[in-house]
Amino acid sequence: MYFYQPSDGHGLPHDPLNAIIGPRPIGWIASVDAHGKRNLAPYSFFNCFNYRPPIIGFASSGWKDSVQNIVETREFVWNLTTLDLASAMNETSASLAHGEDEFIRAGLTPVESRLVRAPRVAESPVNFECRLSQCIQLTGADGTAVDTWLVLGEVVAVHIDESLLENGIYQTAKAKPVLRAGGPSAYYSIDESQRFDLIRPDAR
């Protein structure tokens, strides 16, 4: 077994942590600042944390525009990244000056949300409109503050392209979601051939 203590470094060409915890869904987060200027950015430290109320969240290394906007307005939108949108999503990861519009850079269409001020990505087949529930600065085990912020939001509205629903059941593979993997450039998608089913013991 390869062994290392993270505090001493991993001794490998690339930190394996985010490759092991993967592939990870992408938090493609749209927000606006207090003056209505748009921002769109992908976060690979993202997931869903609760059913009722539905709560999703992402972690930002550093206090970035997305975090600032969400704290100011208490709203954001998550947009599903699909295989067809992978290049556009990657474009929105560019380091732009504050106020520059990632929607324009990536050739994406902002569309009004129903309940929040942040726009949705029109090309994305699934959007979650969210209201901020918590913004938490992470700490190490010793209590030392880390320059990373966990943003948690309650999903208050959901938009789903009806082509992804079959008999009322969302078809994960049909959406061709893009998932982040390890290393500086690795991503994956999925298809129906990779599916397998398990029935929980309590449901047998």
N, C-alpha and C. Protein backbone atom coordinates (compact mmCIF):
# COMPACT_ATOMS: atom_id res chain seq x y z
N MET A 1 0.85 -1.19 0.00
CA MET A 1 0.00 0.00 0.00
C MET A 1 0.88 1.25 0.00
N TYR A 2 0.62 2.14 -0.93
CA TYR A 2 1.32 3.42 -0.92
C TYR A 2 0.76 4.24 0.24
N PHE A 3 1.65 4.77 1.08
CA PHE A 3 1.22 5.49 2.28
C PHE A 3 1.84 6.87 2.29
N TYR A 4 1.04 7.85 2.69
CA TYR A 4 1.59 9.19 2.93
C TYR A 4 0.70 9.93 3.90
N GLN A 5 1.26 10.93 4.57
CA GLN A 5 0.49 11.82 5.42
C GLN A 5 0.36 13.15 4.67
N PRO A 6 -0.87 13.59 4.38
CA PRO A 6 -1.06 14.79 3.57
C PRO A 6 -0.28 16.00 4.06
N SER A 7 -0.10 16.12 5.37
CA SER A 7 0.62 17.29 5.90
C SER A 7 2.09 17.29 5.48
N ASP A 8 2.60 16.11 5.07
CA ASP A 8 3.99 15.99 4.64
C ASP A 8 4.13 15.98 3.12
N GLY A 9 3.01 16.09 2.40
CA GLY A 9 3.03 15.99 0.95
C GLY A 9 2.76 14.56 0.49
N HIS A 10 2.35 14.42 -0.77
CA HIS A 10 1.98 13.09 -1.26
C HIS A 10 3.08 12.41 -2.07
N GLY A 11 4.07 13.18 -2.53
CA GLY A 11 5.19 12.58 -3.25
C GLY A 11 4.86 12.03 -4.61
N LEU A 12 3.74 12.41 -5.18
CA LEU A 12 3.30 11.93 -6.49
C LEU A 12 3.23 13.09 -7.48
N PRO A 13 3.15 12.80 -8.79
CA PRO A 13 3.10 13.88 -9.78
C PRO A 13 1.88 14.79 -9.63
N HIS A 14 0.77 14.24 -9.09
CA HIS A 14 -0.45 15.03 -8.91
C HIS A 14 -1.18 14.51 -7.69
N ASP A 15 -1.73 15.40 -6.90
CA ASP A 15 -2.45 15.01 -5.69
C ASP A 15 -3.55 14.01 -6.03
N PRO A 16 -3.52 12.80 -5.45
CA PRO A 16 -4.50 11.78 -5.82
C PRO A 16 -5.87 11.94 -5.16
N LEU A 17 -6.00 12.87 -4.22
CA LEU A 17 -7.24 12.97 -3.45
C LEU A 17 -8.46 13.12 -4.35
N ASN A 18 -8.42 14.09 -5.27
CA ASN A 18 -9.61 14.33 -6.08
C ASN A 18 -9.77 13.32 -7.20
N ALA A 19 -8.77 12.46 -7.41
CA ALA A 19 -8.94 11.35 -8.35
C ALA A 19 -9.59 10.16 -7.67
N ILE A 20 -9.28 9.98 -6.39
CA ILE A 20 -9.87 8.88 -5.63
C ILE A 20 -11.35 9.16 -5.36
N ILE A 21 -11.64 10.40 -4.95
CA ILE A 21 -13.02 10.80 -4.72
C ILE A 21 -13.58 11.22 -6.08
N GLY A 22 -13.88 10.24 -6.91
CA GLY A 22 -14.30 10.60 -8.25
C GLY A 22 -14.81 9.41 -9.02
N PRO A 23 -15.34 9.65 -10.19
CA PRO A 23 -15.48 10.99 -10.76
C PRO A 23 -16.53 11.81 -10.02
N ARG A 24 -16.31 13.13 -9.97
CA ARG A 24 -17.17 14.03 -9.21
C ARG A 24 -18.06 14.85 -10.12
N PRO A 25 -19.32 15.06 -9.74
CA PRO A 25 -20.18 15.96 -10.52
C PRO A 25 -19.63 17.38 -10.44
N ILE A 26 -19.98 18.18 -11.42
CA ILE A 26 -19.46 19.54 -11.51
C ILE A 26 -20.51 20.55 -11.04
N GLY A 27 -20.10 21.42 -10.15
CA GLY A 27 -20.98 22.51 -9.74
C GLY A 27 -20.79 23.68 -10.68
N TRP A 28 -21.66 23.79 -11.69
CA TRP A 28 -21.57 24.89 -12.66
C TRP A 28 -22.49 25.99 -12.15
N ILE A 29 -21.91 26.94 -11.47
CA ILE A 29 -22.66 27.88 -10.64
C ILE A 29 -22.80 29.24 -11.32
N ALA A 30 -24.05 29.66 -11.50
CA ALA A 30 -24.35 31.00 -12.01
C ALA A 30 -24.80 31.88 -10.86
N SER A 31 -24.31 33.12 -10.86
CA SER A 31 -24.68 34.06 -9.80
C SER A 31 -24.66 35.47 -10.38
N VAL A 32 -25.16 36.39 -9.61
CA VAL A 32 -25.05 37.81 -9.96
C VAL A 32 -24.60 38.57 -8.72
N ASP A 33 -23.93 39.71 -8.95
CA ASP A 33 -23.56 40.53 -7.80
C ASP A 33 -24.70 41.47 -7.44
N ALA A 34 -24.48 42.32 -6.47
CA ALA A 34 -25.54 43.21 -5.99
C ALA A 34 -26.03 44.16 -7.07
N HIS A 35 -25.20 44.37 -8.11
CA HIS A 35 -25.58 45.28 -9.19
C HIS A 35 -26.12 44.54 -10.41
N GLY A 36 -26.26 43.21 -10.29
CA GLY A 36 -26.83 42.42 -11.37
C GLY A 36 -25.84 41.92 -12.40
N LYS A 37 -24.52 42.08 -12.16
CA LYS A 37 -23.52 41.58 -13.11
C LYS A 37 -23.38 40.06 -12.95
N ARG A 38 -23.39 39.37 -14.09
CA ARG A 38 -23.41 37.92 -14.09
C ARG A 38 -22.03 37.31 -13.86
N ASN A 39 -22.04 36.09 -13.29
CA ASN A 39 -20.84 35.28 -13.15
C ASN A 39 -21.24 33.82 -13.36
N LEU A 40 -20.36 33.06 -14.02
CA LEU A 40 -20.60 31.63 -14.23
C LEU A 40 -19.29 30.91 -14.07
N ALA A 41 -19.24 29.94 -13.16
CA ALA A 41 -17.98 29.27 -12.87
C ALA A 41 -18.21 27.81 -12.49
N PRO A 42 -17.30 26.91 -12.91
CA PRO A 42 -17.42 25.50 -12.53
C PRO A 42 -16.61 25.18 -11.28
N TYR A 43 -17.19 24.33 -10.43
CA TYR A 43 -16.53 23.88 -9.21
C TYR A 43 -16.60 22.36 -9.16
N SER A 44 -15.44 21.71 -9.06
CA SER A 44 -15.43 20.25 -9.06
C SER A 44 -15.63 19.65 -7.67
N PHE A 45 -15.51 20.47 -6.62
CA PHE A 45 -15.85 20.00 -5.27
C PHE A 45 -17.31 20.37 -5.04
N PHE A 46 -18.20 19.48 -5.47
CA PHE A 46 -19.64 19.76 -5.48
C PHE A 46 -20.40 18.48 -5.23
N ASN A 47 -21.55 18.61 -4.56
CA ASN A 47 -22.44 17.44 -4.43
C ASN A 47 -23.77 17.83 -3.83
N CYS A 48 -24.63 16.81 -3.68
CA CYS A 48 -25.94 16.96 -3.05
C CYS A 48 -25.84 16.39 -1.64
N PHE A 49 -26.43 17.08 -0.66
CA PHE A 49 -26.24 16.69 0.74
C PHE A 49 -27.52 16.38 1.50
N ASN A 50 -28.67 16.72 0.97
CA ASN A 50 -29.91 16.46 1.71
C ASN A 50 -31.09 16.39 0.76
N TYR A 51 -32.07 15.53 1.13
CA TYR A 51 -33.28 15.38 0.33
C TYR A 51 -34.33 16.44 0.63
N ARG A 52 -34.74 16.55 1.91
CA ARG A 52 -35.85 17.43 2.28
C ARG A 52 -35.45 18.29 3.47
N PRO A 53 -35.23 19.58 3.27
CA PRO A 53 -35.26 20.25 1.97
C PRO A 53 -34.04 19.85 1.15
N PRO A 54 -34.14 19.90 -0.19
CA PRO A 54 -32.98 19.55 -1.00
C PRO A 54 -31.88 20.59 -0.85
N ILE A 55 -30.70 20.13 -0.47
CA ILE A 55 -29.56 21.03 -0.26
C ILE A 55 -28.38 20.53 -1.07
N ILE A 56 -27.81 21.41 -1.89
CA ILE A 56 -26.60 21.11 -2.63
C ILE A 56 -25.51 22.07 -2.16
N GLY A 57 -24.27 21.76 -2.54
CA GLY A 57 -23.20 22.65 -2.10
C GLY A 57 -21.94 22.48 -2.92
N PHE A 58 -21.10 23.51 -2.87
CA PHE A 58 -19.80 23.47 -3.52
C PHE A 58 -18.78 24.16 -2.63
N ALA A 59 -17.52 23.79 -2.83
CA ALA A 59 -16.43 24.40 -2.06
C ALA A 59 -15.56 25.22 -3.01
N SER A 60 -15.22 26.42 -2.57
CA SER A 60 -14.37 27.33 -3.35
C SER A 60 -13.06 27.53 -2.63
N SER A 61 -11.96 27.23 -3.32
CA SER A 61 -10.63 27.51 -2.77
C SER A 61 -10.37 29.01 -2.96
N GLY A 62 -10.51 29.75 -1.89
CA GLY A 62 -10.39 31.20 -1.94
C GLY A 62 -11.76 31.85 -2.06
N TRP A 63 -11.79 33.11 -1.67
CA TRP A 63 -13.04 33.90 -1.69
C TRP A 63 -13.20 34.46 -3.09
N LYS A 64 -13.85 33.71 -3.96
CA LYS A 64 -13.96 34.08 -5.37
C LYS A 64 -15.26 34.83 -5.63
N ASP A 65 -15.41 35.30 -6.88
CA ASP A 65 -16.59 36.09 -7.24
C ASP A 65 -17.89 35.34 -6.95
N SER A 66 -17.91 34.04 -7.22
CA SER A 66 -19.14 33.27 -6.98
C SER A 66 -19.54 33.36 -5.51
N VAL A 67 -18.58 33.16 -4.62
CA VAL A 67 -18.88 33.20 -3.19
C VAL A 67 -19.35 34.60 -2.79
N GLN A 68 -18.61 35.60 -3.23
CA GLN A 68 -18.99 36.98 -2.90
C GLN A 68 -20.40 37.30 -3.38
N ASN A 69 -20.71 36.93 -4.63
CA ASN A 69 -22.03 37.20 -5.18
C ASN A 69 -23.13 36.51 -4.38
N ILE A 70 -22.89 35.26 -4.05
CA ILE A 70 -23.91 34.48 -3.34
C ILE A 70 -24.14 35.01 -1.93
N VAL A 71 -23.07 35.41 -1.28
CA VAL A 71 -23.22 35.99 0.06
C VAL A 71 -23.98 37.32 -0.03
N GLU A 72 -23.72 38.10 -1.08
CA GLU A 72 -24.41 39.39 -1.25
C GLU A 72 -25.90 39.21 -1.55
N THR A 73 -26.20 38.28 -2.46
CA THR A 73 -27.59 38.16 -2.95
C THR A 73 -28.36 37.00 -2.33
N ARG A 74 -27.61 36.04 -1.73
CA ARG A 74 -28.17 34.84 -1.10
C ARG A 74 -28.88 33.94 -2.11
N GLU A 75 -28.43 33.97 -3.36
CA GLU A 75 -29.05 33.16 -4.41
C GLU A 75 -28.01 32.68 -5.41
N PHE A 76 -28.28 31.56 -6.07
CA PHE A 76 -27.45 31.08 -7.17
C PHE A 76 -28.22 30.02 -7.94
N VAL A 77 -27.66 29.62 -9.09
CA VAL A 77 -28.25 28.55 -9.90
C VAL A 77 -27.16 27.53 -10.22
N TRP A 78 -27.49 26.26 -10.03
CA TRP A 78 -26.62 25.19 -10.50
C TRP A 78 -27.13 24.72 -11.85
N ASN A 79 -26.20 24.50 -12.80
CA ASN A 79 -26.54 24.07 -14.15
C ASN A 79 -25.81 22.77 -14.46
N LEU A 80 -26.53 21.79 -14.99
CA LEU A 80 -25.92 20.51 -15.33
C LEU A 80 -24.97 20.67 -16.50
N THR A 81 -23.73 20.18 -16.33
CA THR A 81 -22.78 20.15 -17.43
C THR A 81 -22.92 18.83 -18.17
N THR A 82 -23.20 18.89 -19.46
CA THR A 82 -23.34 17.70 -20.28
C THR A 82 -22.16 17.59 -21.24
N LEU A 83 -22.07 16.45 -21.91
CA LEU A 83 -20.96 16.23 -22.84
C LEU A 83 -20.89 17.31 -23.91
N ASP A 84 -22.05 17.73 -24.42
CA ASP A 84 -22.09 18.76 -25.45
C ASP A 84 -21.64 20.13 -24.93
N LEU A 85 -21.71 20.31 -23.62
CA LEU A 85 -21.38 21.61 -23.02
C LEU A 85 -20.02 21.62 -22.33
N ALA A 86 -19.27 20.53 -22.45
CA ALA A 86 -18.01 20.41 -21.72
C ALA A 86 -17.02 21.52 -22.08
N SER A 87 -16.87 21.81 -23.36
CA SER A 87 -15.91 22.85 -23.77
C SER A 87 -16.36 24.23 -23.27
N ALA A 88 -17.65 24.49 -23.35
CA ALA A 88 -18.17 25.77 -22.86
C ALA A 88 -17.95 25.89 -21.36
N MET A 89 -18.20 24.80 -20.64
CA MET A 89 -17.95 24.81 -19.19
C MET A 89 -16.50 25.12 -18.90
N ASN A 90 -15.60 24.50 -19.66
CA ASN A 90 -14.18 24.73 -19.45
C ASN A 90 -13.80 26.19 -19.70
N GLU A 91 -14.43 26.81 -20.69
CA GLU A 91 -14.16 28.23 -20.97
C GLU A 91 -14.53 29.11 -19.78
N THR A 92 -15.57 28.72 -19.05
CA THR A 92 -16.01 29.55 -17.92
C THR A 92 -15.08 29.42 -16.72
N SER A 93 -14.08 28.53 -16.81
CA SER A 93 -13.11 28.42 -15.72
C SER A 93 -11.97 29.43 -15.85
N ALA A 94 -11.95 30.18 -16.95
CA ALA A 94 -10.88 31.16 -17.16
C ALA A 94 -10.90 32.24 -16.09
N SER A 95 -9.73 32.70 -15.72
CA SER A 95 -9.61 33.78 -14.73
C SER A 95 -9.86 35.11 -15.43
N LEU A 96 -11.05 35.63 -15.27
CA LEU A 96 -11.41 36.90 -15.89
C LEU A 96 -11.43 38.01 -14.84
N ALA A 97 -11.31 39.22 -15.29
CA ALA A 97 -11.42 40.37 -14.38
C ALA A 97 -12.83 40.44 -13.83
N HIS A 98 -12.96 40.95 -12.62
CA HIS A 98 -14.29 41.08 -12.00
C HIS A 98 -15.20 41.89 -12.91
N GLY A 99 -16.39 41.34 -13.15
CA GLY A 99 -17.35 42.04 -13.98
C GLY A 99 -17.39 41.55 -15.42
N GLU A 100 -16.32 40.84 -15.87
CA GLU A 100 -16.36 40.26 -17.21
C GLU A 100 -17.33 39.09 -17.21
N ASP A 101 -18.03 38.91 -18.32
CA ASP A 101 -19.15 37.98 -18.38
C ASP A 101 -18.73 36.65 -19.00
N GLU A 102 -18.74 35.59 -18.18
CA GLU A 102 -18.38 34.26 -18.67
C GLU A 102 -19.41 33.71 -19.65
N PHE A 103 -20.67 34.13 -19.52
CA PHE A 103 -21.68 33.69 -20.49
C PHE A 103 -21.26 34.12 -21.90
N ILE A 104 -20.82 35.36 -22.02
CA ILE A 104 -20.41 35.88 -23.33
C ILE A 104 -19.15 35.16 -23.81
N ARG A 105 -18.17 34.99 -22.94
CA ARG A 105 -16.92 34.33 -23.31
C ARG A 105 -17.16 32.93 -23.86
N ALA A 106 -18.09 32.20 -23.23
CA ALA A 106 -18.32 30.80 -23.60
C ALA A 106 -19.43 30.64 -24.64
N GLY A 107 -20.03 31.75 -25.08
CA GLY A 107 -21.09 31.67 -26.08
C GLY A 107 -22.35 31.03 -25.57
N LEU A 108 -22.67 31.25 -24.30
CA LEU A 108 -23.84 30.66 -23.67
C LEU A 108 -24.95 31.69 -23.53
N THR A 109 -26.17 31.19 -23.40
CA THR A 109 -27.35 32.06 -23.33
C THR A 109 -27.88 32.14 -21.91
N PRO A 110 -27.84 33.31 -21.28
CA PRO A 110 -28.47 33.45 -19.96
C PRO A 110 -29.98 33.58 -20.13
N VAL A 111 -30.71 32.89 -19.29
CA VAL A 111 -32.17 32.97 -19.33
C VAL A 111 -32.67 33.20 -17.91
N GLU A 112 -33.75 33.97 -17.79
CA GLU A 112 -34.26 34.32 -16.47
C GLU A 112 -34.70 33.09 -15.69
N SER A 113 -34.41 33.11 -14.41
CA SER A 113 -34.92 32.08 -13.51
C SER A 113 -36.33 32.47 -13.05
N ARG A 114 -37.00 31.56 -12.38
CA ARG A 114 -38.37 31.83 -11.95
C ARG A 114 -38.42 32.47 -10.57
N LEU A 115 -37.51 32.03 -9.66
CA LEU A 115 -37.61 32.46 -8.26
C LEU A 115 -36.39 33.23 -7.76
N VAL A 116 -35.26 33.16 -8.49
CA VAL A 116 -34.06 33.85 -8.04
C VAL A 116 -33.57 34.78 -9.14
N ARG A 117 -32.69 35.71 -8.77
CA ARG A 117 -32.20 36.70 -9.73
C ARG A 117 -31.10 36.16 -10.64
N ALA A 118 -30.34 35.19 -10.16
CA ALA A 118 -29.28 34.62 -10.99
C ALA A 118 -29.88 33.94 -12.21
N PRO A 119 -29.21 34.05 -13.37
CA PRO A 119 -29.75 33.43 -14.58
C PRO A 119 -29.42 31.94 -14.64
N ARG A 120 -30.16 31.25 -15.48
CA ARG A 120 -29.87 29.86 -15.81
C ARG A 120 -29.08 29.82 -17.13
N VAL A 121 -28.36 28.73 -17.35
CA VAL A 121 -27.74 28.48 -18.64
C VAL A 121 -28.79 27.82 -19.52
N ALA A 122 -29.24 28.52 -20.56
CA ALA A 122 -30.34 28.01 -21.38
C ALA A 122 -29.99 26.69 -22.05
N GLU A 123 -28.72 26.51 -22.42
CA GLU A 123 -28.31 25.29 -23.12
C GLU A 123 -28.26 24.07 -22.20
N SER A 124 -28.24 24.28 -20.91
CA SER A 124 -28.17 23.16 -19.97
C SER A 124 -29.55 22.55 -19.78
N PRO A 125 -29.68 21.22 -19.79
CA PRO A 125 -30.99 20.58 -19.69
C PRO A 125 -31.54 20.48 -18.27
N VAL A 126 -30.74 20.81 -17.27
CA VAL A 126 -31.22 20.77 -15.88
C VAL A 126 -30.65 21.97 -15.14
N ASN A 127 -31.50 22.66 -14.42
CA ASN A 127 -31.07 23.80 -13.61
C ASN A 127 -31.73 23.73 -12.25
N PHE A 128 -30.98 24.04 -11.21
CA PHE A 128 -31.51 24.15 -9.85
C PHE A 128 -31.40 25.61 -9.41
N GLU A 129 -32.52 26.24 -9.14
CA GLU A 129 -32.49 27.57 -8.53
C GLU A 129 -32.34 27.38 -7.03
N CYS A 130 -31.39 28.11 -6.44
CA CYS A 130 -31.05 27.89 -5.04
C CYS A 130 -31.01 29.18 -4.24
N ARG A 131 -31.33 29.05 -2.96
CA ARG A 131 -31.14 30.14 -2.01
C ARG A 131 -30.12 29.70 -0.97
N LEU A 132 -29.23 30.61 -0.63
CA LEU A 132 -28.15 30.30 0.31
C LEU A 132 -28.70 29.86 1.65
N SER A 133 -28.20 28.73 2.14
CA SER A 133 -28.55 28.31 3.50
C SER A 133 -27.39 28.51 4.46
N GLN A 134 -26.16 28.22 3.99
CA GLN A 134 -24.98 28.44 4.82
C GLN A 134 -23.77 28.71 3.95
N CYS A 135 -22.88 29.55 4.45
CA CYS A 135 -21.55 29.73 3.86
C CYS A 135 -20.56 29.54 5.01
N ILE A 136 -19.77 28.48 4.92
CA ILE A 136 -18.95 28.05 6.04
C ILE A 136 -17.48 28.07 5.64
N GLN A 137 -16.66 28.74 6.43
CA GLN A 137 -15.22 28.65 6.21
C GLN A 137 -14.72 27.36 6.83
N LEU A 138 -14.02 26.54 6.05
CA LEU A 138 -13.53 25.27 6.55
C LEU A 138 -12.36 25.47 7.51
N THR A 139 -12.19 24.50 8.38
CA THR A 139 -11.06 24.50 9.30
C THR A 139 -10.38 23.14 9.29
N GLY A 140 -9.12 23.12 9.65
CA GLY A 140 -8.42 21.86 9.83
C GLY A 140 -8.84 21.20 11.13
N ALA A 141 -8.32 20.00 11.36
CA ALA A 141 -8.68 19.27 12.58
C ALA A 141 -8.25 20.01 13.84
N ASP A 142 -7.23 20.87 13.72
CA ASP A 142 -6.76 21.63 14.87
C ASP A 142 -7.50 22.95 15.06
N GLY A 143 -8.51 23.18 14.20
CA GLY A 143 -9.30 24.40 14.33
C GLY A 143 -8.77 25.58 13.52
N THR A 144 -7.63 25.41 12.85
CA THR A 144 -7.07 26.49 12.06
C THR A 144 -7.93 26.74 10.82
N ALA A 145 -8.27 28.00 10.58
CA ALA A 145 -9.11 28.34 9.43
C ALA A 145 -8.37 28.08 8.13
N VAL A 146 -9.10 27.56 7.15
CA VAL A 146 -8.58 27.28 5.81
C VAL A 146 -9.19 28.29 4.84
N ASP A 147 -8.43 28.68 3.83
CA ASP A 147 -8.94 29.64 2.85
C ASP A 147 -9.81 28.92 1.81
N THR A 148 -10.81 28.21 2.31
CA THR A 148 -11.77 27.49 1.48
C THR A 148 -13.15 27.68 2.09
N TRP A 149 -14.14 27.89 1.23
CA TRP A 149 -15.49 28.22 1.68
C TRP A 149 -16.49 27.24 1.11
N LEU A 150 -17.27 26.63 2.00
CA LEU A 150 -18.32 25.70 1.61
C LEU A 150 -19.63 26.46 1.51
N VAL A 151 -20.20 26.49 0.32
CA VAL A 151 -21.46 27.20 0.09
C VAL A 151 -22.56 26.18 -0.06
N LEU A 152 -23.55 26.24 0.81
CA LEU A 152 -24.68 25.33 0.78
C LEU A 152 -25.95 26.09 0.42
N GLY A 153 -26.74 25.54 -0.48
CA GLY A 153 -27.95 26.21 -0.90
C GLY A 153 -29.14 25.27 -0.96
N GLU A 154 -30.30 25.78 -0.56
CA GLU A 154 -31.53 25.01 -0.68
C GLU A 154 -32.08 25.16 -2.10
N VAL A 155 -32.38 24.04 -2.73
CA VAL A 155 -32.96 24.06 -4.07
C VAL A 155 -34.43 24.43 -3.95
N VAL A 156 -34.80 25.58 -4.52
CA VAL A 156 -36.19 26.05 -4.39
C VAL A 156 -36.96 25.91 -5.70
N ALA A 157 -36.28 25.61 -6.80
CA ALA A 157 -36.95 25.40 -8.08
C ALA A 157 -36.06 24.53 -8.95
N VAL A 158 -36.70 23.63 -9.71
CA VAL A 158 -35.98 22.68 -10.57
C VAL A 158 -36.52 22.77 -11.98
N HIS A 159 -35.62 22.82 -12.97
CA HIS A 159 -35.99 22.81 -14.38
C HIS A 159 -35.36 21.57 -15.01
N ILE A 160 -36.15 20.72 -15.67
CA ILE A 160 -35.65 19.50 -16.30
C ILE A 160 -36.19 19.42 -17.72
N ASP A 161 -35.31 19.23 -18.68
CA ASP A 161 -35.73 18.98 -20.05
C ASP A 161 -36.56 17.68 -20.06
N GLU A 162 -37.78 17.76 -20.55
CA GLU A 162 -38.68 16.60 -20.47
C GLU A 162 -38.19 15.39 -21.25
N SER A 163 -37.26 15.60 -22.18
CA SER A 163 -36.70 14.46 -22.92
C SER A 163 -35.89 13.54 -22.01
N LEU A 164 -35.52 14.03 -20.83
CA LEU A 164 -34.73 13.22 -19.89
C LEU A 164 -35.61 12.45 -18.92
N LEU A 165 -36.93 12.58 -19.04
CA LEU A 165 -37.87 11.86 -18.19
C LEU A 165 -38.54 10.75 -18.98
N GLU A 166 -38.45 9.53 -18.49
CA GLU A 166 -39.14 8.39 -19.09
C GLU A 166 -40.03 7.77 -18.03
N ASN A 167 -41.35 7.80 -18.30
CA ASN A 167 -42.33 7.33 -17.32
C ASN A 167 -42.14 8.02 -15.98
N GLY A 168 -41.75 9.30 -16.06
CA GLY A 168 -41.59 10.10 -14.85
C GLY A 168 -40.29 9.89 -14.12
N ILE A 169 -39.40 9.06 -14.67
CA ILE A 169 -38.12 8.77 -14.01
C ILE A 169 -36.99 9.44 -14.78
N TYR A 170 -36.18 10.22 -14.07
CA TYR A 170 -35.05 10.91 -14.69
C TYR A 170 -34.01 9.90 -15.14
N GLN A 171 -33.55 10.05 -16.38
CA GLN A 171 -32.57 9.13 -16.96
C GLN A 171 -31.17 9.75 -16.91
N THR A 172 -30.42 9.35 -15.91
CA THR A 172 -29.11 9.95 -15.66
C THR A 172 -28.19 9.85 -16.87
N ALA A 173 -28.06 8.66 -17.43
CA ALA A 173 -27.12 8.46 -18.53
C ALA A 173 -27.55 9.22 -19.78
N LYS A 174 -28.85 9.34 -20.01
CA LYS A 174 -29.35 10.01 -21.21
C LYS A 174 -28.90 11.47 -21.26
N ALA A 175 -28.72 12.08 -20.11
CA ALA A 175 -28.27 13.47 -20.05
C ALA A 175 -26.80 13.62 -20.41
N LYS A 176 -26.05 12.53 -20.38
CA LYS A 176 -24.60 12.55 -20.65
C LYS A 176 -23.89 13.56 -19.76
N PRO A 177 -24.02 13.40 -18.43
CA PRO A 177 -23.35 14.34 -17.54
C PRO A 177 -21.84 14.21 -17.64
N VAL A 178 -21.16 15.33 -17.42
CA VAL A 178 -19.70 15.35 -17.41
C VAL A 178 -19.23 15.36 -15.97
N LEU A 179 -18.26 14.51 -15.67
CA LEU A 179 -17.77 14.34 -14.31
C LEU A 179 -16.28 14.60 -14.27
N ARG A 180 -15.83 15.28 -13.24
CA ARG A 180 -14.39 15.61 -13.10
C ARG A 180 -13.66 14.43 -12.50
N ALA A 181 -12.47 14.17 -12.98
CA ALA A 181 -11.63 13.10 -12.45
C ALA A 181 -10.32 13.68 -11.95
N GLY A 182 -9.29 12.84 -11.85
CA GLY A 182 -8.02 13.30 -11.30
C GLY A 182 -7.13 13.93 -12.34
N GLY A 183 -6.00 14.44 -11.88
CA GLY A 183 -5.05 15.07 -12.79
C GLY A 183 -5.54 16.42 -13.26
N PRO A 184 -4.74 17.11 -14.05
CA PRO A 184 -5.09 18.48 -14.44
C PRO A 184 -6.15 18.57 -15.53
N SER A 185 -6.46 17.45 -16.22
CA SER A 185 -7.33 17.59 -17.39
C SER A 185 -8.36 16.49 -17.57
N ALA A 186 -8.46 15.54 -16.67
CA ALA A 186 -9.29 14.35 -16.90
C ALA A 186 -10.76 14.59 -16.53
N TYR A 187 -11.63 14.23 -17.46
CA TYR A 187 -13.08 14.24 -17.25
C TYR A 187 -13.64 12.91 -17.76
N TYR A 188 -14.86 12.58 -17.33
CA TYR A 188 -15.54 11.40 -17.83
C TYR A 188 -16.99 11.75 -18.11
N SER A 189 -17.60 10.93 -18.96
CA SER A 189 -19.05 10.93 -19.08
C SER A 189 -19.52 9.50 -18.83
N ILE A 190 -20.82 9.26 -18.89
CA ILE A 190 -21.34 7.91 -18.65
C ILE A 190 -22.36 7.58 -19.72
N ASP A 191 -22.60 6.27 -19.90
CA ASP A 191 -23.67 5.85 -20.79
C ASP A 191 -24.38 4.65 -20.18
N GLU A 192 -25.46 4.22 -20.81
CA GLU A 192 -26.33 3.19 -20.23
C GLU A 192 -25.60 1.85 -20.08
N SER A 193 -24.56 1.61 -20.87
CA SER A 193 -23.84 0.34 -20.79
C SER A 193 -23.13 0.15 -19.45
N GLN A 194 -22.93 1.24 -18.71
CA GLN A 194 -22.22 1.16 -17.43
C GLN A 194 -23.18 0.97 -16.25
N ARG A 195 -24.46 0.89 -16.55
CA ARG A 195 -25.45 0.78 -15.46
C ARG A 195 -25.47 -0.62 -14.87
N PHE A 196 -25.65 -0.70 -13.56
CA PHE A 196 -26.02 -1.93 -12.89
C PHE A 196 -26.96 -1.57 -11.76
N ASP A 197 -27.78 -2.51 -11.33
CA ASP A 197 -28.81 -2.25 -10.32
C ASP A 197 -28.57 -3.08 -9.07
N LEU A 198 -28.77 -2.47 -7.93
CA LEU A 198 -28.73 -3.16 -6.64
C LEU A 198 -29.99 -2.79 -5.87
N ILE A 199 -30.58 -3.75 -5.20
CA ILE A 199 -31.75 -3.49 -4.37
C ILE A 199 -31.32 -3.57 -2.91
N ARG A 200 -31.62 -2.51 -2.17
CA ARG A 200 -31.21 -2.46 -0.76
C ARG A 200 -31.83 -3.62 0.01
N PRO A 201 -31.09 -4.15 1.00
CA PRO A 201 -31.61 -5.30 1.76
C PRO A 201 -32.99 -5.06 2.37
N ASP A 202 -33.24 -3.86 2.87
CA ASP A 202 -34.52 -3.57 3.51
C ASP A 202 -35.68 -3.55 2.52
N ALA A 203 -35.37 -3.46 1.21
CA ALA A 203 -36.42 -3.39 0.20
C ALA A 203 -36.67 -4.74 -0.48
N ARG A 204 -35.91 -5.74 -0.09
CA ARG A 204 -36.07 -7.06 -0.73
C ARG A 204 -37.32 -7.78 -0.22
